[in-house]
Amino acid sequence: MSIVRESDLIGIGKKYQIETEAGDNMVVVIHDDGKRELYRSEGDDSETHCVMTLSDEESRQVAGIIGGLSYKPKALETMELALDDLRIEWYKVDAPSDGVNKTIGELGVRQRTGASIIAAIKEEDTIINPGPDYVITSGMTLVVAGKKANIKLLKEILTS
């Protein structure tokens, strides 16, 4: 697992120093205005070089790409990630079920389960944070977040 060190940059934002399992060193500076800067250490010297500057929106797009929201290798179809009590799971919707061809709002996903659908993936189309009017269809993969019990309730609603 990588090592992450976090520090405040007074008047600027936060700095995250990341040392990966592969031995790479990266620094991410998140400015209070939403801008992000990525730095990389070159070789043995401790000097870092700015690799890229991203806006808030660009940062979120890159995070989604790296996190697998827009492309998920076939081997990870049932992938799940746990961060303390928070779980993120990829769930493939199959027909027939009562949840197919209904909107997120009709199913009352958040109200009934406490879980959230954070992305919907259908073939090459990915919708990040679909709203209550979004229709769930057969064959799509939903990226869902919540506690284990919340996600279990959501799956029950989709398969009943």
Protein backbone atom coordinates (compact mmCIF):
# COMPACT_ATOMS: atom_id res chain seq x y z
CA MET A 1 0.00 0.00 0.00
CA SER A 2 1.27 3.50 -0.74
CA ILE A 3 2.33 5.98 1.93
CA VAL A 4 0.47 9.30 1.94
CA ARG A 5 1.54 12.29 4.03
CA GLU A 6 -0.85 15.23 4.33
CA SER A 7 0.08 18.75 5.37
CA ASP A 8 -1.61 22.16 5.43
CA LEU A 9 -0.25 24.94 3.27
CA ILE A 10 -1.37 28.08 5.06
CA GLY A 11 -3.08 30.47 2.66
CA ILE A 12 -2.76 27.98 -0.22
CA GLY A 13 -4.54 24.71 0.58
CA LYS A 14 -3.27 21.19 1.26
CA LYS A 15 -0.29 19.13 0.14
CA TYR A 16 -0.26 15.36 -0.24
CA GLN A 17 3.05 13.52 -0.62
CA ILE A 18 2.57 10.04 -2.05
CA GLU A 19 5.14 7.26 -2.17
CA THR A 20 3.83 4.32 -4.21
CA GLU A 21 4.59 0.64 -3.80
CA ALA A 22 6.68 0.91 -6.97
CA GLY A 23 8.86 3.55 -5.29
CA ASP A 24 7.58 6.55 -7.24
CA ASN A 25 7.16 9.85 -5.40
CA MET A 26 4.42 12.32 -6.24
CA VAL A 27 3.13 15.50 -4.64
CA VAL A 28 -0.41 16.80 -5.13
CA VAL A 29 -1.15 20.39 -4.09
CA ILE A 30 -4.83 21.27 -3.82
CA HIS A 31 -5.32 25.03 -3.83
CA ASP A 32 -8.21 26.64 -1.98
CA ASP A 33 -9.51 27.92 -5.35
CA GLY A 34 -9.87 24.31 -6.63
CA LYS A 35 -6.76 24.22 -8.82
CA ARG A 36 -4.57 21.13 -8.47
CA GLU A 37 -0.87 20.82 -9.21
CA LEU A 38 0.90 17.49 -9.69
CA TYR A 39 4.63 17.21 -8.97
CA ARG A 40 7.03 14.32 -9.43
CA SER A 41 10.41 13.70 -7.83
CA GLU A 42 13.15 12.88 -10.31
CA GLY A 43 15.70 10.28 -9.25
CA ASP A 44 17.47 10.52 -5.91
CA ASP A 45 17.30 14.31 -5.56
CA SER A 46 14.53 15.71 -3.40
CA GLU A 47 13.66 18.40 -5.95
CA THR A 48 10.19 18.13 -7.41
CA HIS A 49 9.06 19.28 -10.83
CA CYS A 50 5.53 20.40 -11.73
CA VAL A 51 4.12 17.90 -14.19
CA MET A 52 0.62 19.28 -14.65
CA THR A 53 -1.90 21.84 -13.42
CA LEU A 54 -5.58 20.89 -13.46
CA SER A 55 -8.82 22.77 -12.77
CA ASP A 56 -11.31 21.36 -10.28
CA GLU A 57 -13.44 19.87 -13.07
CA GLU A 58 -10.43 18.35 -14.83
CA SER A 59 -9.24 16.86 -11.53
CA ARG A 60 -12.57 15.15 -10.99
CA GLN A 61 -12.52 13.76 -14.54
CA VAL A 62 -9.02 12.36 -14.02
CA ALA A 63 -10.04 10.93 -10.62
CA GLY A 64 -12.95 9.14 -12.28
CA ILE A 65 -10.69 7.74 -14.98
CA ILE A 66 -8.04 6.56 -12.53
CA GLY A 67 -10.69 5.26 -10.13
CA GLY A 68 -12.28 3.17 -12.87
CA LEU A 69 -15.58 5.02 -13.31
CA SER A 70 -15.26 5.30 -17.09
CA TYR A 71 -13.49 2.01 -17.85
CA LYS A 72 -13.36 -1.04 -15.69
CA PRO A 73 -11.28 -4.05 -16.77
CA LYS A 74 -13.45 -7.13 -17.29
CA ALA A 75 -11.67 -8.90 -14.42
CA LEU A 76 -13.04 -6.28 -12.00
CA GLU A 77 -16.80 -6.61 -12.81
CA THR A 78 -17.64 -7.32 -9.18
CA MET A 79 -14.94 -5.14 -7.68
CA GLU A 80 -15.53 -3.56 -4.32
CA LEU A 81 -13.53 -1.04 -2.35
CA ALA A 82 -13.77 -0.38 1.36
CA LEU A 83 -12.66 2.77 3.16
CA ASP A 84 -13.48 2.38 6.84
CA ASP A 85 -17.31 1.98 6.81
CA LEU A 86 -17.70 3.33 3.27
CA ARG A 87 -17.88 0.75 0.50
CA ILE A 88 -17.87 1.34 -3.24
CA GLU A 89 -19.10 -1.52 -5.40
CA TRP A 90 -19.73 -2.13 -9.08
CA TYR A 91 -23.09 -3.86 -9.58
CA LYS A 92 -24.29 -5.25 -12.93
CA VAL A 93 -28.07 -4.87 -13.39
CA ASP A 94 -29.72 -7.94 -14.91
CA ALA A 95 -33.28 -8.41 -16.17
CA PRO A 96 -35.85 -9.37 -15.20
CA SER A 97 -36.30 -7.41 -12.01
CA ASP A 98 -38.63 -4.79 -10.59
CA GLY A 99 -35.80 -2.23 -10.59
CA VAL A 100 -35.25 -2.32 -14.35
CA ASN A 101 -36.73 0.52 -16.44
CA LYS A 102 -37.48 2.63 -13.38
CA THR A 103 -35.85 5.89 -12.36
CA ILE A 104 -33.60 6.28 -9.34
CA GLY A 105 -36.30 8.56 -7.88
CA GLU A 106 -39.10 6.04 -8.44
CA LEU A 107 -37.08 3.41 -6.60
CA GLY A 108 -36.32 5.87 -3.77
CA VAL A 109 -32.73 4.67 -3.69
CA ARG A 110 -31.28 7.12 -1.14
CA GLN A 111 -34.44 7.38 0.98
CA ARG A 112 -35.06 3.62 1.20
CA THR A 113 -31.48 2.35 1.37
CA GLY A 114 -29.12 5.13 2.43
CA ALA A 115 -26.85 4.12 -0.48
CA SER A 116 -25.97 6.35 -3.42
CA ILE A 117 -25.54 5.56 -7.09
CA ILE A 118 -22.42 7.51 -7.99
CA ALA A 119 -22.12 6.39 -11.62
CA ALA A 120 -24.02 4.43 -14.26
CA ILE A 121 -22.11 2.70 -17.05
CA LYS A 122 -23.83 1.40 -20.19
CA GLU A 123 -21.50 0.22 -22.97
CA GLU A 124 -19.30 3.24 -23.77
CA ASP A 125 -21.52 5.79 -21.97
CA THR A 126 -20.76 6.76 -18.38
CA ILE A 127 -22.98 9.07 -16.35
CA ILE A 128 -21.35 10.42 -13.20
CA ASN A 129 -23.75 11.08 -10.30
CA PRO A 130 -27.00 10.29 -12.14
CA GLY A 131 -29.99 12.24 -10.85
CA PRO A 132 -33.41 11.02 -9.68
CA ASP A 133 -34.78 11.07 -13.26
CA TYR A 134 -32.12 8.65 -14.52
CA VAL A 135 -33.64 5.34 -15.78
CA ILE A 136 -31.92 2.11 -14.74
CA THR A 137 -31.78 -0.37 -17.62
CA SER A 138 -30.80 -4.01 -17.98
CA GLY A 139 -27.13 -4.68 -18.72
CA MET A 140 -25.78 -1.49 -17.17
CA THR A 141 -23.26 -1.41 -14.36
CA LEU A 142 -23.95 0.85 -11.39
CA VAL A 143 -21.20 2.18 -9.16
CA VAL A 144 -22.78 2.37 -5.72
CA ALA A 145 -21.49 3.80 -2.44
CA GLY A 146 -22.61 3.33 1.15
CA LYS A 147 -22.24 1.07 4.13
CA LYS A 148 -22.38 -2.68 3.52
CA ALA A 149 -25.98 -2.95 4.81
CA ASN A 150 -27.09 0.03 2.66
CA ILE A 151 -25.66 -1.50 -0.50
CA LYS A 152 -27.29 -4.83 0.34
CA LEU A 153 -30.69 -3.06 0.56
CA LEU A 154 -30.08 -1.36 -2.79
CA LYS A 155 -29.27 -4.70 -4.43
CA GLU A 156 -32.46 -6.17 -2.97
CA ILE A 157 -34.52 -3.32 -4.45
CA LEU A 158 -32.90 -3.83 -7.87
CA THR A 159 -33.38 -7.61 -7.89
CA SER A 160 -36.81 -7.97 -6.31
